[in-house]
Amino acid sequence: MDRQETDFASLHELIGRKVSFRGGRGVVVEILEDGPSLVIQAENLAIQPDSLGYARRRSRETCLVEVFDSEGGYDPDFLAMVVEE
């Protein structure tokens, strides 16, 4: 078992945990195996436009944080992420 497989198994412990990342806060809602990547749902609500660009509702944005970079090392965004709880 290589480092990336071992790290993927331990990433599941982050699901449901609050994190600080890229100047914001959110909750880890899912781990994508391809990558792997963390799916983080932002804490703040954002205005979501409809297909014509008109503001229709507020929703929480989601973003991806890659765990590894293209060279196999840890991605800087992942290393800068702080687990709060």
Protein backbone atom coordinates (compact mmCIF):
# COMPACT_ATOMS: atom_id res chain seq x y z
CA MET A 1 0.00 0.00 0.00
CA ASP A 2 1.55 3.34 -1.03
CA ARG A 3 1.35 6.71 0.71
CA GLN A 4 -1.59 7.99 -1.33
CA GLU A 5 -3.73 4.91 -0.55
CA THR A 6 -2.94 5.20 3.15
CA ASP A 7 -3.76 8.92 3.17
CA PHE A 8 -7.06 8.31 1.35
CA ALA A 9 -8.19 5.93 4.08
CA SER A 10 -7.46 8.50 6.78
CA LEU A 11 -9.20 11.34 4.88
CA HIS A 12 -12.61 9.86 5.69
CA GLU A 13 -12.12 11.03 9.29
CA LEU A 14 -12.46 14.62 8.01
CA ILE A 15 -16.07 14.21 6.79
CA GLY A 16 -18.33 16.44 8.89
CA ARG A 17 -15.44 18.44 10.36
CA LYS A 18 -15.26 22.23 10.16
CA VAL A 19 -12.22 23.63 8.38
CA SER A 20 -10.69 27.00 7.52
CA PHE A 21 -9.41 27.24 3.95
CA ARG A 22 -8.62 29.91 1.36
CA GLY A 23 -9.70 32.68 3.73
CA GLY A 24 -13.11 31.14 4.48
CA ARG A 25 -14.71 28.44 6.58
CA GLY A 26 -16.72 25.37 5.69
CA VAL A 27 -17.51 21.73 6.36
CA VAL A 28 -15.98 18.72 4.61
CA VAL A 29 -18.98 16.93 3.07
CA GLU A 30 -17.34 14.32 0.85
CA ILE A 31 -14.05 12.78 -0.24
CA LEU A 32 -13.59 12.13 -3.96
CA GLU A 33 -11.40 9.11 -4.58
CA ASP A 34 -10.18 10.40 -7.95
CA GLY A 35 -7.42 12.76 -6.95
CA PRO A 36 -8.20 12.46 -4.01
CA SER A 37 -10.03 15.72 -3.31
CA LEU A 38 -12.02 17.12 -0.42
CA VAL A 39 -15.45 18.55 -1.21
CA ILE A 40 -16.04 21.48 1.15
CA GLN A 41 -19.36 23.26 1.59
CA ALA A 42 -18.83 26.93 2.45
CA GLU A 43 -20.26 28.27 5.70
CA ASN A 44 -21.64 31.48 4.18
CA LEU A 45 -24.61 31.63 1.86
CA ALA A 46 -24.06 32.97 -1.65
CA ILE A 47 -26.58 34.22 -4.17
CA GLN A 48 -27.17 31.60 -6.83
CA PRO A 49 -28.22 32.88 -10.26
CA ASP A 50 -30.64 31.07 -12.54
CA SER A 51 -29.79 30.08 -16.13
CA LEU A 52 -30.34 33.68 -17.30
CA GLY A 53 -28.07 35.17 -14.65
CA TYR A 54 -30.80 36.59 -12.40
CA ALA A 55 -30.40 36.20 -8.65
CA ARG A 56 -32.99 33.67 -7.47
CA ARG A 57 -31.94 32.10 -4.18
CA ARG A 58 -29.26 31.78 -1.59
CA SER A 59 -27.30 28.55 -1.33
CA ARG A 60 -24.02 27.29 0.05
CA GLU A 61 -21.16 27.10 -2.42
CA THR A 62 -19.00 24.00 -2.65
CA CYS A 63 -15.38 23.80 -3.70
CA LEU A 64 -12.72 21.16 -4.18
CA VAL A 65 -9.40 21.05 -2.39
CA GLU A 66 -6.93 18.67 -4.01
CA VAL A 67 -4.83 16.60 -1.60
CA PHE A 68 -1.86 16.01 -3.91
CA ASP A 69 -0.29 18.20 -6.59
CA SER A 70 0.74 17.02 -10.06
CA GLU A 71 4.17 15.94 -8.79
CA GLY A 72 2.80 13.67 -6.04
CA GLY A 73 3.51 16.02 -3.13
CA TYR A 74 0.87 17.59 -0.92
CA ASP A 75 -1.06 20.46 -2.52
CA PRO A 76 -0.35 23.86 -0.84
CA ASP A 77 -4.11 24.52 -0.34
CA PHE A 78 -4.44 21.20 1.49
CA LEU A 79 -1.44 21.92 3.70
CA ALA A 80 -2.80 25.40 4.54
CA MET A 81 -6.23 24.05 5.54
CA VAL A 82 -6.91 24.11 9.29
CA VAL A 83 -9.25 21.56 10.90
CA GLU A 84 -11.21 23.45 13.59
CA GLU A 85 -13.12 20.66 15.36
